[in-house]
C-alpha atoms as a PDB file:
ATOM      1  CA  UNK A   1     190.423  87.459 139.226  1.00  0.00           C
ATOM      2  CA  UNK A   2     190.274  86.632 142.993  1.00  0.00           C
ATOM      3  CA  UNK A   3     187.947  83.882 144.310  1.00  0.00           C
ATOM      4  CA  UNK A   4     185.219  86.415 145.498  1.00  0.00           C
ATOM      5  CA  UNK A   5     185.384  88.123 142.096  1.00  0.00           C
ATOM      6  CA  UNK A   6     184.484  84.827 140.624  1.00  0.00           C
ATOM      7  CA  UNK A   7     181.756  84.081 142.941  1.00  0.00           C
ATOM      8  CA  UNK A   8     180.408  87.288 142.184  1.00  0.00           C
ATOM      9  CA  UNK A   9     180.328  86.961 138.573  1.00  0.00           C
ATOM     10  CA  UNK A  10     179.143  83.776 138.863  1.00  0.00           C
ATOM     11  CA  UNK A  11     176.349  85.122 140.794  1.00  0.00           C
ATOM     12  CA  UNK A  12     175.496  87.654 138.478  1.00  0.00           C
ATOM     13  CA  UNK A  13     175.081  85.043 135.670  1.00  0.00           C
ATOM     14  CA  UNK A  14     173.207  83.107 137.346  1.00  0.00           C
ATOM     15  CA  UNK A  15     170.658  85.772 138.545  1.00  0.00           C
ATOM     16  CA  UNK A  16     170.249  87.060 135.068  1.00  0.00           C
ATOM     17  CA  UNK A  17     169.874  83.766 134.042  1.00  0.00           C
ATOM     18  CA  UNK A  18     166.716  83.308 136.382  1.00  0.00           C
ATOM     19  CA  UNK A  19     165.467  86.786 135.643  1.00  0.00           C
ATOM     20  CA  UNK A  20     165.400  85.981 131.878  1.00  0.00           C
ATOM     21  CA  UNK A  21     163.677  82.202 132.574  1.00  0.00           C
ATOM     22  CA  UNK A  22     161.142  83.893 134.673  1.00  0.00           C
ATOM     23  CA  UNK A  23     160.522  86.947 131.643  1.00  0.00           C
ATOM     24  CA  UNK A  24     160.357  84.309 128.926  1.00  0.00           C
ATOM     25  CA  UNK A  25     157.980  82.177 131.299  1.00  0.00           C
ATOM     26  CA  UNK A  26     155.844  84.935 132.055  1.00  0.00           C
ATOM     27  CA  UNK A  27     155.957  85.851 127.904  1.00  0.00           C
ATOM     28  CA  UNK A  28     154.783  82.366 127.121  1.00  0.00           C
ATOM     29  CA  UNK A  29     151.978  82.453 129.459  1.00  0.00           C
ATOM     30  CA  UNK A  30     151.031  85.824 127.718  1.00  0.00           C
ATOM     31  CA  UNK A  31     151.387  84.695 124.426  1.00  0.00           C
ATOM     32  CA  UNK A  32     149.026  81.426 125.334  1.00  0.00           C
ATOM     33  CA  UNK A  33     146.547  83.556 127.079  1.00  0.00           C
ATOM     34  CA  UNK A  34     146.331  85.967 123.838  1.00  0.00           C
ATOM     35  CA  UNK A  35     146.103  82.599 121.736  1.00  0.00           C
ATOM     36  CA  UNK A  36     143.303  81.391 124.047  1.00  0.00           C
ATOM     37  CA  UNK A  37     141.790  84.673 124.004  1.00  0.00           C
ATOM     38  CA  UNK A  38     141.552  84.991 120.244  1.00  0.00           C
ATOM     39  CA  UNK A  39     140.519  80.919 119.740  1.00  0.00           C
ATOM     40  CA  UNK A  40     137.770  82.195 122.507  1.00  0.00           C
ATOM     41  CA  UNK A  41     136.905  85.093 120.654  1.00  0.00           C
ATOM     42  CA  UNK A  42     136.360  83.342 117.287  1.00  0.00           C
ATOM     43  CA  UNK A  43     134.730  80.191 118.603  1.00  0.00           C
ATOM     44  CA  UNK A  44     131.879  78.774 116.699  1.00  0.00           C
ATOM     45  CA  UNK A  45     128.168  79.735 118.256  1.00  0.00           C
ATOM     46  CA  UNK A  46     125.318  79.096 116.754  1.00  0.00           C
ATOM     47  CA  UNK A  47     124.724  83.213 116.187  1.00  0.00           C
ATOM     48  CA  UNK A  48     127.354  82.900 114.065  1.00  0.00           C
ATOM     49  CA  UNK A  49     126.067  80.069 111.610  1.00  0.00           C
ATOM     50  CA  UNK A  50     122.671  82.082 111.336  1.00  0.00           C
ATOM     51  CA  UNK A  51     124.618  85.382 110.716  1.00  0.00           C
ATOM     52  CA  UNK A  52     126.464  83.473 107.856  1.00  0.00           C
ATOM     53  CA  UNK A  53     123.748  81.618 106.421  1.00  0.00           C
ATOM     54  CA  UNK A  54     121.528  85.350 106.543  1.00  0.00           C
ATOM     55  CA  UNK A  55     124.563  86.915 104.291  1.00  0.00           C
ATOM     56  CA  UNK A  56     124.695  84.182 101.905  1.00  0.00           C
ATOM     57  CA  UNK A  57     121.151  84.836 101.324  1.00  0.00           C
ATOM     58  CA  UNK A  58     120.596  88.309 101.833  1.00  0.00           C
ATOM     59  CA  UNK A  59     123.416  88.980  99.131  1.00  0.00           C
ATOM     60  CA  UNK A  60     122.302  86.832  96.234  1.00  0.00           C
ATOM     61  CA  UNK A  61     120.606  89.285  93.772  1.00  0.00           C
ATOM     62  CA  UNK A  62     118.062  86.191  92.831  1.00  0.00           C
ATOM     63  CA  UNK A  63     116.980  85.974  96.656  1.00  0.00           C
ATOM     64  CA  UNK A  64     115.359  89.539  96.070  1.00  0.00           C
ATOM     65  CA  UNK A  65     113.861  88.773  92.272  1.00  0.00           C
ATOM     66  CA  UNK A  66     112.323  85.737  93.489  1.00  0.00           C
ATOM     67  CA  UNK A  67     110.690  86.880  96.690  1.00  0.00           C
ATOM     68  CA  UNK A  68     109.532  90.123  94.616  1.00  0.00           C
ATOM     69  CA  UNK A  69     108.217  88.070  92.003  1.00  0.00           C
ATOM     70  CA  UNK A  70     106.059  86.457  94.867  1.00  0.00           C
ATOM     71  CA  UNK A  71     104.433  89.490  95.750  1.00  0.00           C
ATOM     72  CA  UNK A  72     103.304  90.117  92.213  1.00  0.00           C
ATOM     73  CA  UNK A  73     102.287  87.163  91.263  1.00  0.00           C
ATOM     74  CA  UNK A  74     100.402  86.759  94.282  1.00  0.00           C
ATOM     75  CA  UNK A  75      98.169  90.044  94.564  1.00  0.00           C
ATOM     76  CA  UNK A  76      98.708  90.830  90.725  1.00  0.00           C
ATOM     77  CA  UNK A  77      96.790  87.175  89.864  1.00  0.00           C
ATOM     78  CA  UNK A  78      93.988  88.256  93.062  1.00  0.00           C
ATOM     79  CA  UNK A  79      93.267  91.200  91.696  1.00  0.00           C
ATOM     80  CA  UNK A  80      93.113  89.910  87.783  1.00  0.00           C
ATOM     81  CA  UNK A  81      90.873  86.461  88.834  1.00  0.00           C
ATOM     82  CA  UNK A  82      88.904  89.227  90.549  1.00  0.00           C
ATOM     83  CA  UNK A  83      87.930  90.940  87.767  1.00  0.00           C
ATOM     84  CA  UNK A  84      87.562  88.627  85.454  1.00  0.00           C
ATOM     85  CA  UNK A  85      84.495  86.937  87.906  1.00  0.00           C
ATOM     86  CA  UNK A  86      83.160  90.842  87.928  1.00  0.00           C
ATOM     87  CA  UNK A  87      83.339  90.239  84.242  1.00  0.00           C
ATOM     88  CA  UNK A  88      81.519  87.212  84.238  1.00  0.00           C
ATOM     89  CA  UNK A  89      78.713  88.430  85.877  1.00  0.00           C
ATOM     90  CA  UNK A  90      78.666  91.448  84.088  1.00  0.00           C
ATOM     91  CA  UNK A  91      78.571  89.838  80.831  1.00  0.00           C
ATOM     92  CA  UNK A  92      75.899  87.089  81.937  1.00  0.00           C
ATOM     93  CA  UNK A  93      78.223  84.070  82.145  1.00  0.00           C
ATOM     94  CA  UNK A  94      76.793  83.837  86.021  1.00  0.00           C
ATOM     95  CA  UNK A  95      78.766  82.406  88.988  1.00  0.00           C
ATOM     96  CA  UNK A  96      80.648  85.263  89.671  1.00  0.00           C
ATOM     97  CA  UNK A  97      83.628  84.329  92.452  1.00  0.00           C
ATOM     98  CA  UNK A  98      84.432  81.040  91.691  1.00  0.00           C
ATOM     99  CA  UNK A  99      82.648  78.250  93.019  1.00  0.00           C
ATOM    100  CA  UNK A 100      85.100  77.899  95.798  1.00  0.00           C
ATOM    101  CA  UNK A 101      84.173  81.337  97.302  1.00  0.00           C
ATOM    102  CA  UNK A 102      85.211  85.215  96.813  1.00  0.00           C
ATOM    103  CA  UNK A 103      88.417  83.729  99.065  1.00  0.00           C
ATOM    104  CA  UNK A 104      89.516  81.163  96.725  1.00  0.00           C
ATOM    105  CA  UNK A 105      88.725  83.663  93.550  1.00  0.00           C
ATOM    106  CA  UNK A 106      91.768  86.495  95.462  1.00  0.00           C
ATOM    107  CA  UNK A 107      94.173  83.940  96.484  1.00  0.00           C
ATOM    108  CA  UNK A 108      94.071  81.787  93.581  1.00  0.00           C
ATOM    109  CA  UNK A 109      97.458  83.652  92.869  1.00  0.00           C
ATOM    110  CA  UNK A 110      98.849  81.619  95.820  1.00  0.00           C
ATOM    111  CA  UNK A 111      98.703  78.460  93.569  1.00  0.00           C
ATOM    112  CA  UNK A 112     101.913  80.277  91.838  1.00  0.00           C
ATOM    113  CA  UNK A 113     103.139  81.504  94.661  1.00  0.00           C
ATOM    114  CA  UNK A 114     103.199  77.672  95.869  1.00  0.00           C
ATOM    115  CA  UNK A 115     105.700  77.130  92.739  1.00  0.00           C
ATOM    116  CA  UNK A 116     108.052  80.175  93.313  1.00  0.00           C
ATOM    117  CA  UNK A 117     108.428  79.313  97.071  1.00  0.00           C
ATOM    118  CA  UNK A 118     109.437  75.687  96.201  1.00  0.00           C
ATOM    119  CA  UNK A 119     111.944  76.886  93.629  1.00  0.00           C
ATOM    120  CA  UNK A 120     113.745  79.480  95.817  1.00  0.00           C
ATOM    121  CA  UNK A 121     114.020  77.100  98.869  1.00  0.00           C
ATOM    122  CA  UNK A 122     115.237  73.973  96.605  1.00  0.00           C
ATOM    123  CA  UNK A 123     117.784  76.948  95.207  1.00  0.00           C
ATOM    124  CA  UNK A 124     118.621  77.751  98.888  1.00  0.00           C
ATOM    125  CA  UNK A 125     119.639  74.019  99.508  1.00  0.00           C
ATOM    126  CA  UNK A 126     120.820  73.160  96.267  1.00  0.00           C
ATOM    127  CA  UNK A 127     122.997  76.044  95.070  1.00  0.00           C
ATOM    128  CA  UNK A 128     125.869  75.516  97.553  1.00  0.00           C
ATOM    129  CA  UNK A 129     126.745  72.063  95.647  1.00  0.00           C
ATOM    130  CA  UNK A 130     127.222  73.379  92.713  1.00  0.00           C
ATOM    131  CA  UNK A 131     129.766  76.352  93.458  1.00  0.00           C
ATOM    132  CA  UNK A 132     131.244  74.128  95.692  1.00  0.00           C
ATOM    133  CA  UNK A 133     131.344  76.752  98.591  1.00  0.00           C
ATOM    134  CA  UNK A 134     129.556  73.708 100.669  1.00  0.00           C
ATOM    135  CA  UNK A 135     133.040  72.078 101.531  1.00  0.00           C
ATOM    136  CA  UNK A 136     134.213  75.653 102.935  1.00  0.00           C
ATOM    137  CA  UNK A 137     130.795  75.817 104.682  1.00  0.00           C
ATOM    138  CA  UNK A 138     131.121  72.103 106.184  1.00  0.00           C
ATOM    139  CA  UNK A 139     134.674  72.750 107.446  1.00  0.00           C
ATOM    140  CA  UNK A 140     133.819  76.298 109.088  1.00  0.00           C
ATOM    141  CA  UNK A 141     131.062  74.080 110.824  1.00  0.00           C
ATOM    142  CA  UNK A 142     132.576  71.072 111.729  1.00  0.00           C
ATOM    143  CA  UNK A 143     129.138  69.175 113.179  1.00  0.00           C
ATOM    144  CA  UNK A 144     126.874  70.356 109.872  1.00  0.00           C
ATOM    145  CA  UNK A 145     123.625  70.183 111.701  1.00  0.00           C
ATOM    146  CA  UNK A 146     124.001  73.719 112.215  1.00  0.00           C
ATOM    147  CA  UNK A 147     124.216  74.700 108.722  1.00  0.00           C
ATOM    148  CA  UNK A 148     121.156  72.996 108.042  1.00  0.00           C
ATOM    149  CA  UNK A 149     119.043  74.386 110.897  1.00  0.00           C
ATOM    150  CA  UNK A 150     120.764  78.125 110.378  1.00  0.00           C
ATOM    151  CA  UNK A 151     119.489  77.965 106.656  1.00  0.00           C
ATOM    152  CA  UNK A 152     115.663  76.465 107.725  1.00  0.00           C
ATOM    153  CA  UNK A 153     115.601  79.513 110.203  1.00  0.00           C
ATOM    154  CA  UNK A 154     116.808  81.988 107.963  1.00  0.00           C
ATOM    155  CA  UNK A 155     115.078  80.993 105.098  1.00  0.00           C
ATOM    156  CA  UNK A 156     111.425  80.624 106.993  1.00  0.00           C
ATOM    157  CA  UNK A 157     112.200  84.022 108.780  1.00  0.00           C
ATOM    158  CA  UNK A 158     112.757  85.768 105.205  1.00  0.00           C
ATOM    159  CA  UNK A 159     109.718  83.771 103.361  1.00  0.00           C
ATOM    160  CA  UNK A 160     106.631  83.965 106.295  1.00  0.00           C
ATOM    161  CA  UNK A 161     106.665  87.480 106.384  1.00  0.00           C
ATOM    162  CA  UNK A 162     106.673  87.751 102.444  1.00  0.00           C
ATOM    163  CA  UNK A 163     104.063  85.032 102.448  1.00  0.00           C
ATOM    164  CA  UNK A 164     101.851  87.081 104.609  1.00  0.00           C
ATOM    165  CA  UNK A 165     101.824  90.289 102.901  1.00  0.00           C
ATOM    166  CA  UNK A 166     101.115  88.785  99.798  1.00  0.00           C
ATOM    167  CA  UNK A 167      97.927  87.064 100.853  1.00  0.00           C
ATOM    168  CA  UNK A 168      96.905  89.691 102.734  1.00  0.00           C
ATOM    169  CA  UNK A 169      97.137  92.285  99.996  1.00  0.00           C
ATOM    170  CA  UNK A 170      95.439  89.848  97.424  1.00  0.00           C
ATOM    171  CA  UNK A 171      93.017  89.517  99.951  1.00  0.00           C
ATOM    172  CA  UNK A 172      92.647  92.888 100.765  1.00  0.00           C
ATOM    173  CA  UNK A 173      93.003  94.460  96.958  1.00  0.00           C
ATOM    174  CA  UNK A 174      90.988  91.326  95.661  1.00  0.00           C
ATOM    175  CA  UNK A 175      87.980  92.016  97.792  1.00  0.00           C
ATOM    176  CA  UNK A 176      87.919  95.212  97.075  1.00  0.00           C
ATOM    177  CA  UNK A 177      87.856  94.983  93.249  1.00  0.00           C
ATOM    178  CA  UNK A 178      84.626  92.275  93.668  1.00  0.00           C
ATOM    179  CA  UNK A 179      83.150  94.899  95.836  1.00  0.00           C
ATOM    180  CA  UNK A 180      83.508  97.893  93.239  1.00  0.00           C
ATOM    181  CA  UNK A 181      82.181  95.590  90.796  1.00  0.00           C
ATOM    182  CA  UNK A 182      79.038  94.496  92.908  1.00  0.00           C
ATOM    183  CA  UNK A 183      79.949  91.026  93.633  1.00  0.00           C
ATOM    184  CA  UNK A 184      79.816  88.742  96.810  1.00  0.00           C
ATOM    185  CA  UNK A 185      83.005  89.648  99.140  1.00  0.00           C
ATOM    186  CA  UNK A 186      83.889  88.138 102.773  1.00  0.00           C
ATOM    187  CA  UNK A 187      85.076  89.635 105.290  1.00  0.00           C
ATOM    188  CA  UNK A 188      88.121  89.272 107.288  1.00  0.00           C
ATOM    189  CA  UNK A 189      86.391  88.566 110.368  1.00  0.00           C
ATOM    190  CA  UNK A 190      84.123  86.188 108.600  1.00  0.00           C
ATOM    191  CA  UNK A 191      84.146  82.976 110.000  1.00  0.00           C
ATOM    192  CA  UNK A 192      87.360  80.813 108.992  1.00  0.00           C
ATOM    193  CA  UNK A 193      88.627  83.266 106.458  1.00  0.00           C
ATOM    194  CA  UNK A 194      91.254  84.903 108.771  1.00  0.00           C
ATOM    195  CA  UNK A 195      92.410  81.011 109.832  1.00  0.00           C
ATOM    196  CA  UNK A 196      92.403  80.578 105.470  1.00  0.00           C
ATOM    197  CA  UNK A 197      94.498  83.590 105.047  1.00  0.00           C
ATOM    198  CA  UNK A 198      97.375  82.458 107.798  1.00  0.00           C
ATOM    199  CA  UNK A 199      97.451  79.074 106.966  1.00  0.00           C
ATOM    200  CA  UNK A 200      98.117  79.944 103.865  1.00  0.00           C
ATOM    201  CA  UNK A 201     100.475  81.994 104.644  1.00  0.00           C
ATOM    202  CA  UNK A 202     102.062  79.182 106.638  1.00  0.00           C
ATOM    203  CA  UNK A 203     101.706  76.711 103.579  1.00  0.00           C
ATOM    204  CA  UNK A 204     103.837  78.968 101.389  1.00  0.00           C
ATOM    205  CA  UNK A 205     106.643  78.615 104.080  1.00  0.00           C
ATOM    206  CA  UNK A 206     105.850  75.016 104.828  1.00  0.00           C
ATOM    207  CA  UNK A 207     106.529  74.575 101.005  1.00  0.00           C
ATOM    208  CA  UNK A 208     110.157  76.542 101.067  1.00  0.00           C
ATOM    209  CA  UNK A 209     110.924  74.501 103.512  1.00  0.00           C
ATOM    210  CA  UNK A 210     110.756  71.094 102.128  1.00  0.00           C
ATOM    211  CA  UNK A 211     112.536  72.480  98.720  1.00  0.00           C
ATOM    212  CA  UNK A 212     114.982  73.583 101.215  1.00  0.00           C
ATOM    213  CA  UNK A 213     115.229  69.856 102.498  1.00  0.00           C
ATOM    214  CA  UNK A 214     115.002  68.137  98.973  1.00  0.00           C
ATOM    215  CA  UNK A 215     117.678  70.427  97.747  1.00  0.00           C
ATOM    216  CA  UNK A 216     120.255  69.430 100.432  1.00  0.00           C
ATOM    217  CA  UNK A 217     119.030  65.761 100.218  1.00  0.00           C
ATOM    218  CA  UNK A 218     119.649  65.815  96.029  1.00  0.00           C
ATOM    219  CA  UNK A 219     122.546  68.103  95.847  1.00  0.00           C
ATOM    220  CA  UNK A 220     121.067  69.080  92.589  1.00  0.00           C
ATOM    221  CA  UNK A 221     118.615  72.336  91.711  1.00  0.00           C
ATOM    222  CA  UNK A 222     116.742  70.709  88.846  1.00  0.00           C
ATOM    223  CA  UNK A 223     116.775  66.972  90.829  1.00  0.00           C
ATOM    224  CA  UNK A 224     115.131  68.950  94.056  1.00  0.00           C
ATOM    225  CA  UNK A 225     112.759  71.250  91.967  1.00  0.00           C
ATOM    226  CA  UNK A 226     111.494  68.414  89.616  1.00  0.00           C
ATOM    227  CA  UNK A 227     110.968  65.975  92.710  1.00  0.00           C
ATOM    228  CA  UNK A 228     109.171  69.064  94.969  1.00  0.00           C
ATOM    229  CA  UNK A 229     107.107  70.115  91.693  1.00  0.00           C
ATOM    230  CA  UNK A 230     106.135  66.823  90.213  1.00  0.00           C
ATOM    231  CA  UNK A 231     105.656  64.780  93.852  1.00  0.00           C
ATOM    232  CA  UNK A 232     104.407  67.158  96.444  1.00  0.00           C
ATOM    233  CA  UNK A 233     102.475  69.370  94.319  1.00  0.00           C
ATOM    234  CA  UNK A 234     101.007  67.637  91.295  1.00  0.00           C
ATOM    235  CA  UNK A 235     100.893  64.210  92.358  1.00  0.00           C
ATOM    236  CA  UNK A 236      98.089  64.498  94.937  1.00  0.00           C
ATOM    237  CA  UNK A 237      95.923  65.681  92.344  1.00  0.00           C
ATOM    238  CA  UNK A 238      96.676  63.117  89.952  1.00  0.00           C
ATOM    239  CA  UNK A 239      96.547  60.323  92.425  1.00  0.00           C
ATOM    240  CA  UNK A 240      93.478  61.840  93.972  1.00  0.00           C
ATOM    241  CA  UNK A 241      91.511  61.389  90.326  1.00  0.00           C
ATOM    242  CA  UNK A 242      93.069  58.121  89.146  1.00  0.00           C
ATOM    243  CA  UNK A 243      92.957  56.170  92.213  1.00  0.00           C
ATOM    244  CA  UNK A 244      90.582  54.254  93.516  1.00  0.00           C
ATOM    245  CA  UNK A 245      88.205  56.109  96.863  1.00  0.00           C
ATOM    246  CA  UNK A 246      89.731  53.916  99.167  1.00  0.00           C
ATOM    247  CA  UNK A 247      92.985  55.199  98.594  1.00  0.00           C
ATOM    248  CA  UNK A 248      91.414  58.263  99.768  1.00  0.00           C
ATOM    249  CA  UNK A 249      92.369  57.782 103.716  1.00  0.00           C
ATOM    250  CA  UNK A 250      95.790  57.451 102.538  1.00  0.00           C
ATOM    251  CA  UNK A 251      96.062  60.708 100.356  1.00  0.00           C
ATOM    252  CA  UNK A 252      94.690  63.233 102.862  1.00  0.00           C
ATOM    253  CA  UNK A 253      98.214  62.808 104.625  1.00  0.00           C
ATOM    254  CA  UNK A 254     100.489  63.891 101.383  1.00  0.00           C
ATOM    255  CA  UNK A 255     101.428  67.763 101.879  1.00  0.00           C
ATOM    256  CA  UNK A 256      98.843  69.502  99.953  1.00  0.00           C
ATOM    257  CA  UNK A 257      96.105  67.508 100.662  1.00  0.00           C
ATOM    258  CA  UNK A 258      96.989  68.013 104.802  1.00  0.00           C
ATOM    259  CA  UNK A 259      97.012  71.672 104.102  1.00  0.00           C
ATOM    260  CA  UNK A 260      94.184  72.437 102.068  1.00  0.00           C
ATOM    261  CA  UNK A 261      92.139  71.478 105.701  1.00  0.00           C
ATOM    262  CA  UNK A 262      92.880  74.863 107.275  1.00  0.00           C
ATOM    263  CA  UNK A 263      93.664  76.696 104.090  1.00  0.00           C
ATOM    264  CA  UNK A 264      90.053  76.134 102.220  1.00  0.00           C
ATOM    265  CA  UNK A 265      87.149  77.959 104.643  1.00  0.00           C
ATOM    266  CA  UNK A 266      85.005  74.773 104.069  1.00  0.00           C
ATOM    267  CA  UNK A 267      87.390  71.913 103.804  1.00  0.00           C
ATOM    268  CA  UNK A 268      85.750  68.649 102.781  1.00  0.00           C
ATOM    269  CA  UNK A 269      84.349  66.802 105.053  1.00  0.00           C
ATOM    270  CA  UNK A 270      86.745  63.754 104.123  1.00  0.00           C
ATOM    271  CA  UNK A 271      89.700  65.949 105.104  1.00  0.00           C
ATOM    272  CA  UNK A 272      91.668  65.830 108.190  1.00  0.00           C
ATOM    273  CA  UNK A 273      90.614  68.940 110.323  1.00  0.00           C
ATOM    274  CA  UNK A 274      92.563  71.877 110.525  1.00  0.00           C
ATOM    275  CA  UNK A 275      94.519  71.056 113.673  1.00  0.00           C
ATOM    276  CA  UNK A 276      95.135  67.721 112.290  1.00  0.00           C
ATOM    277  CA  UNK A 277      96.670  69.117 108.888  1.00  0.00           C
ATOM    278  CA  UNK A 278      98.673  71.424 110.526  1.00  0.00           C
ATOM    279  CA  UNK A 279     100.631  68.711 112.672  1.00  0.00           C
ATOM    280  CA  UNK A 280     100.903  66.366 109.736  1.00  0.00           C
ATOM    281  CA  UNK A 281     102.156  69.225 107.339  1.00  0.00           C
ATOM    282  CA  UNK A 282     104.747  69.992 109.866  1.00  0.00           C
ATOM    283  CA  UNK A 283     105.539  66.449 110.416  1.00  0.00           C
ATOM    284  CA  UNK A 284     106.484  66.338 106.622  1.00  0.00           C
ATOM    285  CA  UNK A 285     108.725  69.489 106.973  1.00  0.00           C
ATOM    286  CA  UNK A 286     110.362  67.802 110.417  1.00  0.00           C
ATOM    287  CA  UNK A 287     111.123  64.468 107.801  1.00  0.00           C
ATOM    288  CA  UNK A 288     112.358  66.715 105.266  1.00  0.00           C
ATOM    289  CA  UNK A 289     114.724  68.983 107.228  1.00  0.00           C
ATOM    290  CA  UNK A 290     115.679  65.406 109.165  1.00  0.00           C
ATOM    291  CA  UNK A 291     116.196  63.750 106.220  1.00  0.00           C
ATOM    292  CA  UNK A 292     118.738  66.870 105.165  1.00  0.00           C
ATOM    293  CA  UNK A 293     120.657  67.024 108.355  1.00  0.00           C
ATOM    294  CA  UNK A 294     121.625  63.051 108.413  1.00  0.00           C
ATOM    295  CA  UNK A 295     122.384  63.399 104.960  1.00  0.00           C
ATOM    296  CA  UNK A 296     124.610  66.893 105.391  1.00  0.00           C
ATOM    297  CA  UNK A 297     126.782  64.594 108.294  1.00  0.00           C
ATOM    298  CA  UNK A 298     127.119  61.162 106.660  1.00  0.00           C
ATOM    299  CA  UNK A 299     128.155  62.148 103.090  1.00  0.00           C
ATOM    300  CA  UNK A 300     131.147  63.621 101.937  1.00  0.00           C
ATOM    301  CA  UNK A 301     130.572  66.779 100.161  1.00  0.00           C
END
């Protein structure tokens, strides 16, 4: 091979090597760009967390059975209570609707709805700990606080409409039953009636969120349900009956007593105002969810 041919071959090899290097670099950049695109496409967002929590909640048959039971209990007991009050009048038992008034009679089922929605909230918070699915959840959402936010948002969005349908259904069907029996009724436009109905629905949703917070904090469905029913729902009534009257200024800040200020048409003068009661109840919900957020961020799952 001559010197010229040798130089030409060397030049071709050098050029081929250069082209290979350029093509390889371009391919590497393309793969890197594709990987960046994939990471961007699957980047964790709050919307995806909400969608995940919605799938978890709606995919469980118990959720819909529980919400259906809430509607049946609230409306059914309201109508039954109205019918019983009519029978008391017809038989000479007197009294008609309960002493608190027709609205309290038809919304009697809400007391049972509180229990059911509280249980649903506790299960929504503690269920993943029992199945150990919480480990996958926090692995997918390392910052963890969006998990609590997502659960609370989805649960509230599901429970509140059900509570509204339940209380309005109980009101209209119960009042229709009272009217057919000739008993006293109240109109939706009556003083404080609409506020009490909407307030009852908000109270029901707040109890569900309190249960959610307790479920996450205690990581046990049984423990959280027992705490909610005993400490939040039953304790205020027992404490009011057993403790001296001087404790009334403290007891009215408990969740159930605070809610009574805006769920009753004519709350006792010793209760908080409707606005103050709503603020206190919201504060309890924020406290429970805030404690749940701290717990899920600081504790191992």
